[in-house]
Amino acid sequence: MALSPGRSRIVLCIVLVTSDTLGKMSFVALPCHRLEPGKPVPFNIWDGRGKLLIRKGDPVVSVDHQAFLASHNASVTQADFRAWERSYNRLIYERFRQGATMGELERSYMPSEILEADYVTGYDIPGGWVELYEVLMGVLYQGTASSTPLDRLEGVQQRAAELLTASADNSLFALFQLMADRSLGYCAKHALLAAVLCELTASKLGVAEPMRPVLFRAALTMNIGMARQQDVMVRQKTPLSAEQKELIKEHPQIGVEILRTMGVFEEDWLELVATHHAPHDPTGTDPKQELTRILSMADQFIAKVSARATRAALPTRSALRFMVAQPEGTSLRVGSAMTAVVGLYPPGTYVTLSNDEIAVVLRRGETPTTPVTVSFMNADGVGLGLYIARDPSDKAVTIQASLPSDRVKFVLDTEKIQRALKRAGTAAT
């Protein structure tokens, strides 16, 4: 599933129907023109009243046979259809890697084989980024002991797609605020923000849509090989031990082995996890290397803006400098694109204003230096009873600097933020 609005997508239209004959099972209308003549079907196909039309393994013999099936409201179970879609997405991805054009992909037949691994049951996650954090943390912490980990990862990816499509600014705000919450574990926060930065950057760079979901999944799981220890090391006040240093070195390959045991067989997913810390050619032009560089740069940026017990966080603007201080080629393209999508002052981060107030960035502005901000603390460090939405075009109250989150000992009141926006006549996001 694509994670950005406004992109072309290769999808099938799903229409749910109910068969009285087969009880309360949910069925999906079949796009019969996508069945390849001469090839066996990978599931039983039923008509609208629950009568079996084609048994699994029998072929669709001709175009006329396709039309016959369509005229009888050919349907399959929802589980079969979703597994078929996953098989199709994998097929599309492989064909794209082999050089097929988007036009050729859009005309592709559906596959005639479904793998057992395609029958993940899905995992619906209501709520927002905090709920996604909780589910993802369970998968990263428990690893192979996690219950239905691939279902849960798919649920995280699907819900993240919905939230990001609804509002990239709201998503960035929520995630940077999560990063600032020291009471929460680090590894899952890092993974979610990395995945979002990867998706936004890949979209900005025009990375083909079939390539982007695997990058998102790799970002979610790149540190699964050291998840628990990553949280320990963030809070640790003593120098890293030899064992911890070795774990940092080996965690990409450990992560690959964990994912394989979970049932991951997408080699590009595994390769991205394996190589996200590996040396690379900064001027290379290989598309796969571009994905690796996006993942690596998101990982590095988040680490720089995150405080440790042994060091303070870098201000976001300072951390962004390394993105554009890159050699010409892939690294500079990726760094420039990531800087553009996150903004010099990302939503959810803190800034100081020219009147010495402290404000939170609410959303990106028309230019990288003019985001929408809301002041919540005065020059003396006292919280404001009424938050004040600042006009980005007001030269009397401009942003002076970004402020690391660990230097702000304050709990924001989201209701006061919304009231400030209303008083200023600014639509709430």
Protein backbone atom coordinates (compact mmCIF):
# COMPACT_ATOMS: atom_id res chain seq x y z
CA MET A 1 0.00 0.00 0.00
CA ALA A 2 1.27 3.44 -0.89
CA LEU A 3 2.05 5.79 1.98
CA SER A 4 1.64 9.14 0.26
CA PRO A 5 -1.33 10.91 -1.31
CA GLY A 6 -1.32 12.01 -4.91
CA ARG A 7 0.62 9.05 -6.33
CA SER A 8 -0.56 6.63 -8.99
CA ARG A 9 -1.32 3.21 -7.53
CA ILE A 10 -1.78 -0.28 -8.92
CA VAL A 11 -4.72 -1.54 -6.88
CA LEU A 12 -7.81 -3.67 -7.22
CA CYS A 13 -11.27 -2.43 -6.31
CA ILE A 14 -12.67 -4.55 -3.47
CA VAL A 15 -16.44 -4.95 -3.17
CA LEU A 16 -17.67 -7.00 -0.21
CA VAL A 17 -20.79 -9.14 -0.60
CA THR A 18 -22.41 -11.67 1.69
CA SER A 19 -23.44 -15.17 0.68
CA ASP A 20 -26.50 -16.54 2.49
CA THR A 21 -25.54 -20.03 1.33
CA LEU A 22 -22.13 -19.90 2.97
CA GLY A 23 -23.21 -18.20 6.16
CA LYS A 24 -21.61 -14.99 7.34
CA MET A 25 -18.30 -15.30 5.47
CA SER A 26 -17.25 -12.11 3.67
CA PHE A 27 -16.69 -12.34 -0.07
CA VAL A 28 -14.98 -10.11 -2.59
CA ALA A 29 -16.07 -9.53 -6.18
CA LEU A 30 -13.38 -10.87 -8.49
CA PRO A 31 -11.81 -8.75 -11.27
CA CYS A 32 -12.21 -11.54 -13.83
CA HIS A 33 -10.28 -9.74 -16.58
CA ARG A 34 -7.15 -10.09 -14.42
CA LEU A 35 -7.33 -13.90 -14.54
CA GLU A 36 -4.81 -15.17 -17.09
CA PRO A 37 -6.33 -17.54 -19.68
CA GLY A 38 -4.79 -20.99 -19.60
CA LYS A 39 -3.48 -20.66 -16.04
CA PRO A 40 -4.95 -22.38 -12.96
CA VAL A 41 -6.78 -20.29 -10.38
CA PRO A 42 -5.24 -20.33 -6.87
CA PHE A 43 -8.55 -20.60 -4.97
CA ASN A 44 -12.18 -21.68 -5.28
CA ILE A 45 -14.35 -19.19 -7.16
CA TRP A 46 -18.05 -18.86 -6.27
CA ASP A 47 -21.02 -17.10 -7.80
CA GLY A 48 -23.05 -14.48 -5.93
CA ARG A 49 -25.31 -17.14 -4.40
CA GLY A 50 -22.55 -19.39 -3.11
CA LYS A 51 -22.41 -21.90 -5.99
CA LEU A 52 -18.94 -23.16 -6.89
CA LEU A 53 -17.93 -21.96 -10.37
CA ILE A 54 -14.27 -23.07 -10.55
CA ARG A 55 -12.36 -25.30 -8.21
CA LYS A 56 -8.90 -24.33 -7.03
CA GLY A 57 -6.30 -25.54 -9.54
CA ASP A 58 -8.62 -25.55 -12.56
CA PRO A 59 -7.83 -23.09 -15.36
CA VAL A 60 -9.66 -20.14 -16.84
CA VAL A 61 -9.65 -21.37 -20.42
CA SER A 62 -10.38 -18.24 -22.46
CA VAL A 63 -11.48 -14.62 -22.59
CA ASP A 64 -15.05 -15.88 -23.05
CA HIS A 65 -14.64 -17.86 -19.84
CA GLN A 66 -13.61 -14.62 -18.10
CA ALA A 67 -16.81 -12.98 -19.35
CA PHE A 68 -18.90 -15.93 -18.17
CA LEU A 69 -17.43 -15.65 -14.68
CA ALA A 70 -18.05 -11.91 -14.58
CA SER A 71 -21.68 -12.39 -15.63
CA HIS A 72 -22.18 -14.77 -12.69
CA ASN A 73 -20.76 -12.33 -10.12
CA ALA A 74 -17.64 -14.42 -9.54
CA SER A 75 -16.38 -13.97 -5.97
CA VAL A 76 -13.73 -15.32 -3.61
CA THR A 77 -13.40 -15.24 0.14
CA GLN A 78 -11.93 -12.09 1.62
CA ALA A 79 -8.99 -14.06 3.02
CA ASP A 80 -8.19 -15.51 -0.41
CA PHE A 81 -8.46 -12.13 -2.08
CA ARG A 82 -6.18 -10.41 0.41
CA ALA A 83 -3.60 -13.17 0.04
CA TRP A 84 -3.92 -12.84 -3.74
CA GLU A 85 -3.27 -9.10 -3.48
CA ARG A 86 -0.13 -9.71 -1.43
CA SER A 87 1.06 -12.22 -4.01
CA TYR A 88 0.29 -9.68 -6.74
CA ASN A 89 2.19 -6.91 -4.96
CA ARG A 90 5.23 -9.17 -4.69
CA LEU A 91 4.95 -10.06 -8.39
CA ILE A 92 4.69 -6.38 -9.37
CA TYR A 93 7.72 -5.55 -7.24
CA GLU A 94 9.82 -8.27 -8.85
CA ARG A 95 8.77 -7.28 -12.38
CA PHE A 96 9.54 -3.65 -11.68
CA ARG A 97 13.01 -4.60 -10.47
CA GLN A 98 13.49 -6.49 -13.74
CA GLY A 99 12.74 -3.36 -15.77
CA ALA A 100 9.00 -3.48 -16.49
CA THR A 101 7.35 -0.11 -17.11
CA MET A 102 4.43 1.13 -15.04
CA GLY A 103 2.17 0.68 -18.06
CA GLU A 104 3.21 -2.95 -18.38
CA LEU A 105 2.65 -3.49 -14.67
CA GLU A 106 -0.85 -2.02 -14.83
CA ARG A 107 -1.75 -4.57 -17.52
CA SER A 108 -0.35 -7.51 -15.57
CA TYR A 109 -2.49 -10.55 -14.83
CA MET A 110 -2.91 -11.62 -11.25
CA PRO A 111 -0.64 -14.50 -10.17
CA SER A 112 -1.85 -18.07 -10.41
CA GLU A 113 -0.05 -19.09 -7.22
CA ILE A 114 -0.40 -17.89 -3.63
CA LEU A 115 2.20 -18.68 -0.99
CA GLU A 116 1.20 -19.75 2.48
CA ALA A 117 2.99 -16.68 3.84
CA ASP A 118 0.54 -14.49 1.91
CA TYR A 119 -2.25 -15.58 4.23
CA VAL A 120 -1.43 -13.20 7.05
CA THR A 121 -4.64 -12.36 8.84
CA GLY A 122 -3.98 -8.65 9.29
CA TYR A 123 -4.10 -6.70 12.51
CA ASP A 124 -6.37 -3.69 12.80
CA ILE A 125 -4.92 -0.93 14.97
CA PRO A 126 -7.33 1.85 15.96
CA GLY A 127 -6.00 5.13 17.25
CA GLY A 128 -2.91 7.12 16.44
CA TRP A 129 0.86 7.04 16.65
CA VAL A 130 0.95 6.17 20.35
CA GLU A 131 -1.03 3.00 19.64
CA LEU A 132 1.29 2.17 16.74
CA TYR A 133 4.26 2.69 19.04
CA GLU A 134 2.86 0.22 21.56
CA VAL A 135 2.22 -2.49 18.97
CA LEU A 136 5.59 -2.01 17.28
CA MET A 137 7.47 -2.02 20.58
CA GLY A 138 5.95 -5.41 21.37
CA VAL A 139 7.17 -6.84 18.07
CA LEU A 140 10.66 -5.36 18.37
CA TYR A 141 11.09 -6.42 21.99
CA GLN A 142 9.70 -9.93 21.62
CA GLY A 143 11.20 -10.73 18.22
CA THR A 144 10.53 -14.32 17.22
CA ALA A 145 8.52 -14.84 20.42
CA SER A 146 6.01 -12.20 19.29
CA SER A 147 2.49 -13.41 18.51
CA THR A 148 1.76 -13.05 14.76
CA PRO A 149 4.59 -10.53 14.22
CA LEU A 150 4.09 -10.16 10.47
CA ASP A 151 0.39 -9.47 10.95
CA ARG A 152 1.24 -6.80 13.49
CA LEU A 153 3.88 -5.21 11.27
CA GLU A 154 1.39 -5.10 8.42
CA GLY A 155 -1.16 -3.51 10.74
CA VAL A 156 1.37 -0.86 11.76
CA GLN A 157 2.20 -0.13 8.12
CA GLN A 158 -1.44 0.10 7.05
CA ARG A 159 -2.48 2.41 9.89
CA ALA A 160 0.64 4.53 9.42
CA ALA A 161 -0.35 4.95 5.78
CA GLU A 162 -3.76 6.26 6.81
CA LEU A 163 -2.35 8.69 9.36
CA LEU A 164 0.35 9.97 7.03
CA THR A 165 -2.07 10.42 4.16
CA ALA A 166 -4.49 12.32 6.42
CA SER A 167 -1.77 14.80 7.49
CA ALA A 168 1.99 14.62 7.15
CA ASP A 169 2.34 17.62 9.48
CA ASN A 170 0.20 16.03 12.20
CA SER A 171 2.18 12.81 11.84
CA LEU A 172 5.53 14.56 12.15
CA PHE A 173 4.25 16.60 15.12
CA ALA A 174 3.09 13.47 16.94
CA LEU A 175 6.29 11.56 16.25
CA PHE A 176 8.70 14.34 17.23
CA GLN A 177 6.67 14.81 20.41
CA LEU A 178 6.95 11.07 21.07
CA MET A 179 10.70 11.34 20.60
CA ALA A 180 10.75 14.05 23.27
CA ASP A 181 8.95 11.83 25.80
CA ARG A 182 11.73 10.25 27.85
CA SER A 183 9.28 7.99 29.68
CA LEU A 184 8.78 5.93 26.51
CA GLY A 185 11.17 3.37 25.11
CA TYR A 186 13.43 4.65 22.35
CA CYS A 187 13.65 1.87 19.77
CA ALA A 188 10.01 1.89 18.59
CA LYS A 189 9.86 5.71 18.47
CA HIS A 190 13.03 5.75 16.40
CA ALA A 191 11.66 3.11 14.04
CA LEU A 192 8.34 4.88 13.41
CA LEU A 193 9.93 8.26 12.74
CA ALA A 194 12.55 6.67 10.48
CA ALA A 195 9.84 4.92 8.48
CA VAL A 196 7.91 8.16 7.98
CA LEU A 197 11.03 10.11 6.98
CA CYS A 198 11.92 7.34 4.53
CA GLU A 199 8.46 7.41 2.94
CA LEU A 200 8.31 11.20 2.65
CA THR A 201 11.84 11.34 1.23
CA ALA A 202 11.27 8.51 -1.24
CA SER A 203 8.11 10.23 -2.45
CA LYS A 204 9.98 13.53 -2.82
CA LEU A 205 12.68 11.81 -4.86
CA GLY A 206 10.12 10.12 -7.10
CA VAL A 207 11.07 6.60 -6.04
CA ALA A 208 8.69 4.27 -7.85
CA GLU A 209 5.76 3.25 -5.71
CA PRO A 210 6.37 -0.52 -5.85
CA MET A 211 9.74 0.07 -4.18
CA ARG A 212 8.53 2.15 -1.23
CA PRO A 213 6.63 -0.29 1.02
CA VAL A 214 9.70 -2.49 1.43
CA LEU A 215 11.71 0.57 2.51
CA PHE A 216 9.05 1.38 5.10
CA ARG A 217 9.13 -2.16 6.51
CA ALA A 218 12.92 -2.13 6.64
CA ALA A 219 12.85 1.13 8.62
CA LEU A 220 10.41 -0.36 11.12
CA THR A 221 12.65 -3.38 11.71
CA MET A 222 16.24 -2.27 11.04
CA ASN A 223 17.14 -2.33 14.75
CA ILE A 224 15.16 -5.39 15.81
CA GLY A 225 18.46 -7.14 16.41
CA MET A 226 19.22 -4.89 19.41
CA ALA A 227 15.84 -3.42 20.38
CA ARG A 228 15.95 -4.02 24.13
CA GLN A 229 19.62 -3.14 24.42
CA GLN A 230 19.09 -0.01 22.33
CA ASP A 231 16.71 1.26 25.00
CA VAL A 232 19.19 0.35 27.71
CA MET A 233 22.08 2.11 25.96
CA VAL A 234 20.10 5.34 25.46
CA ARG A 235 19.65 5.64 29.24
CA GLN A 236 23.04 4.25 30.23
CA LYS A 237 25.35 6.75 31.98
CA THR A 238 28.48 4.61 31.78
CA PRO A 239 30.56 3.96 28.64
CA LEU A 240 29.43 1.15 26.37
CA SER A 241 30.83 -2.25 27.24
CA ALA A 242 32.74 -4.40 24.77
CA GLU A 243 29.69 -6.63 24.45
CA GLN A 244 27.45 -3.66 23.65
CA LYS A 245 29.86 -2.37 21.03
CA GLU A 246 29.90 -5.80 19.43
CA LEU A 247 26.09 -5.90 19.44
CA ILE A 248 25.94 -2.53 17.67
CA LYS A 249 28.30 -3.92 15.04
CA GLU A 250 26.43 -7.19 14.61
CA HIS A 251 22.80 -6.11 15.06
CA PRO A 252 21.99 -5.75 11.33
CA GLN A 253 22.79 -9.39 10.66
CA ILE A 254 21.13 -10.48 13.91
CA GLY A 255 18.04 -8.59 12.76
CA VAL A 256 18.08 -10.40 9.42
CA GLU A 257 18.11 -13.77 11.19
CA ILE A 258 15.22 -12.73 13.45
CA LEU A 259 13.18 -11.59 10.45
CA ARG A 260 13.88 -14.81 8.56
CA THR A 261 12.69 -16.80 11.55
CA MET A 262 9.52 -14.67 11.62
CA GLY A 263 8.84 -15.71 8.03
CA VAL A 264 10.17 -12.72 6.07
CA PHE A 265 11.35 -13.85 2.64
CA GLU A 266 11.57 -10.51 0.78
CA GLU A 267 15.27 -10.34 0.00
CA ASP A 268 15.30 -6.57 -0.52
CA TRP A 269 13.74 -6.05 2.92
CA LEU A 270 16.39 -8.27 4.46
CA GLU A 271 19.18 -6.64 2.46
CA LEU A 272 18.16 -3.14 3.54
CA VAL A 273 18.21 -4.22 7.18
CA ALA A 274 21.57 -5.95 6.69
CA THR A 275 23.26 -2.96 5.01
CA HIS A 276 21.80 0.10 6.76
CA HIS A 277 25.11 0.64 8.59
CA ALA A 278 27.38 -0.60 5.79
CA PRO A 279 29.82 1.69 3.93
CA HIS A 280 28.49 2.93 0.61
CA ASP A 281 29.53 4.92 -2.43
CA PRO A 282 28.08 8.41 -1.83
CA THR A 283 28.16 9.21 -5.53
CA GLY A 284 26.63 5.96 -6.77
CA THR A 285 23.47 5.92 -8.89
CA ASP A 286 22.13 2.41 -8.30
CA PRO A 287 18.38 2.67 -7.35
CA LYS A 288 18.79 0.09 -4.60
CA GLN A 289 21.69 2.05 -3.16
CA GLU A 290 19.42 5.08 -3.07
CA LEU A 291 17.00 3.18 -0.82
CA THR A 292 19.85 2.15 1.45
CA ARG A 293 21.05 5.73 1.67
CA ILE A 294 17.57 7.02 2.52
CA LEU A 295 17.30 4.50 5.34
CA SER A 296 20.82 5.18 6.61
CA MET A 297 20.38 8.95 6.58
CA ALA A 298 17.03 8.80 8.41
CA ASP A 299 18.67 6.57 11.03
CA GLN A 300 21.58 8.98 11.50
CA PHE A 301 19.41 12.11 11.64
CA ILE A 302 17.13 10.70 14.35
CA ALA A 303 20.11 9.57 16.39
CA LYS A 304 21.58 13.09 16.24
CA VAL A 305 18.40 14.83 17.45
CA SER A 306 17.82 12.30 20.25
CA ALA A 307 19.38 12.83 23.66
CA ARG A 308 21.40 10.16 25.44
CA ALA A 309 22.25 9.94 29.11
CA THR A 310 25.84 10.72 28.11
CA ARG A 311 25.17 13.58 25.65
CA ALA A 312 22.62 16.20 24.75
CA ALA A 313 20.52 16.14 21.60
CA LEU A 314 21.54 18.29 18.68
CA PRO A 315 19.14 21.03 17.59
CA THR A 316 17.29 19.81 14.50
CA ARG A 317 18.70 22.53 12.28
CA SER A 318 22.24 21.55 13.28
CA ALA A 319 21.48 17.89 12.66
CA LEU A 320 20.12 18.72 9.22
CA ARG A 321 23.40 20.29 8.16
CA PHE A 322 25.03 16.92 7.70
CA MET A 323 22.37 16.00 5.14
CA VAL A 324 23.37 18.72 2.72
CA ALA A 325 27.09 18.54 3.49
CA GLN A 326 27.39 15.49 1.27
CA PRO A 327 29.38 14.71 -1.89
CA GLU A 328 27.61 15.17 -5.20
CA GLY A 329 25.52 12.15 -6.12
CA THR A 330 23.11 9.93 -4.26
CA SER A 331 24.00 11.21 -0.79
CA LEU A 332 23.44 14.86 -1.68
CA ARG A 333 20.18 14.10 -3.50
CA VAL A 334 18.87 12.14 -0.54
CA GLY A 335 20.07 14.69 2.00
CA SER A 336 18.52 17.59 0.14
CA ALA A 337 15.22 15.77 -0.28
CA MET A 338 15.02 14.75 3.37
CA THR A 339 15.80 18.29 4.47
CA ALA A 340 13.03 19.58 2.22
CA VAL A 341 10.37 17.20 3.52
CA VAL A 342 11.17 17.51 7.22
CA GLY A 343 11.79 21.25 7.15
CA LEU A 344 14.47 23.21 8.96
CA TYR A 345 12.12 23.31 11.95
CA PRO A 346 10.07 20.09 11.88
CA PRO A 347 6.56 19.96 13.37
CA GLY A 348 6.67 18.86 16.99
CA THR A 349 10.09 20.42 17.69
CA TYR A 350 10.88 23.51 19.75
CA VAL A 351 12.28 26.90 18.77
CA THR A 352 13.25 30.16 20.41
CA LEU A 353 11.77 33.35 18.98
CA SER A 354 13.25 36.83 18.63
CA ASN A 355 11.26 37.98 21.70
CA ASP A 356 12.87 35.13 23.70
CA GLU A 357 9.64 33.12 23.92
CA ILE A 358 9.80 29.37 23.46
CA ALA A 359 7.41 27.93 20.89
CA VAL A 360 6.50 24.59 19.40
CA VAL A 361 6.39 24.15 15.63
CA LEU A 362 2.92 23.06 14.60
CA ARG A 363 3.29 22.59 10.88
CA ARG A 364 5.63 23.40 8.03
CA GLY A 365 5.26 26.77 6.35
CA GLU A 366 5.44 28.16 2.86
CA THR A 367 9.23 28.33 3.20
CA PRO A 368 11.64 26.21 5.27
CA THR A 369 12.21 29.10 7.70
CA THR A 370 8.56 30.16 8.23
CA PRO A 371 6.67 27.32 9.92
CA VAL A 372 3.52 27.86 11.96
CA THR A 373 4.48 28.11 15.64
CA VAL A 374 2.65 28.46 18.96
CA SER A 375 4.37 30.16 21.91
CA PHE A 376 3.87 28.40 25.26
CA MET A 377 6.64 29.81 27.47
CA ASN A 378 7.78 33.39 28.08
CA ALA A 379 11.31 34.78 28.20
CA ASP A 380 11.59 33.97 31.92
CA GLY A 381 10.81 30.30 31.33
CA VAL A 382 7.31 30.52 32.77
CA GLY A 383 4.47 28.77 30.99
CA LEU A 384 1.91 31.03 29.35
CA GLY A 385 -1.65 30.86 30.60
CA LEU A 386 -2.77 31.54 27.04
CA TYR A 387 -0.70 30.07 24.25
CA ILE A 388 -0.11 32.43 21.32
CA ALA A 389 -0.15 31.39 17.68
CA ARG A 390 2.57 33.34 15.88
CA ASP A 391 2.13 34.62 12.34
CA PRO A 392 5.01 33.18 10.23
CA SER A 393 5.13 36.43 8.23
CA ASP A 394 5.46 38.65 11.32
CA LYS A 395 9.04 39.90 11.19
CA ALA A 396 8.78 41.12 14.78
CA VAL A 397 8.58 37.53 16.06
CA THR A 398 10.92 35.40 13.99
CA ILE A 399 12.57 32.10 14.76
CA GLN A 400 16.06 32.52 16.19
CA ALA A 401 17.12 28.92 16.72
CA SER A 402 15.90 25.38 17.10
CA LEU A 403 15.90 24.05 20.66
CA PRO A 404 16.70 20.43 21.61
CA SER A 405 13.76 18.69 23.23
CA ASP A 406 15.76 17.64 26.30
CA ARG A 407 16.16 21.32 27.22
CA VAL A 408 12.40 21.89 27.41
CA LYS A 409 11.01 20.69 30.74
CA PHE A 410 7.39 21.36 29.94
CA VAL A 411 4.27 19.34 29.11
CA LEU A 412 2.32 20.87 26.26
CA ASP A 413 -1.44 21.31 26.55
CA THR A 414 -2.89 20.36 23.16
CA GLU A 415 -6.22 22.01 23.93
CA LYS A 416 -4.44 25.33 24.56
CA ILE A 417 -2.69 24.90 21.20
CA GLN A 418 -6.01 24.50 19.41
CA ARG A 419 -7.52 27.48 21.24
CA ALA A 420 -4.52 29.61 20.27
CA LEU A 421 -5.05 28.69 16.64
CA LYS A 422 -8.73 29.55 16.81
CA ARG A 423 -8.00 32.94 18.35
CA ALA A 424 -5.56 33.62 15.54
CA GLY A 425 -8.06 32.51 12.93
CA THR A 426 -5.80 29.66 11.82
CA ALA A 427 -7.47 26.38 10.91
CA ALA A 428 -6.49 23.61 13.29
CA THR A 429 -4.58 20.75 11.76
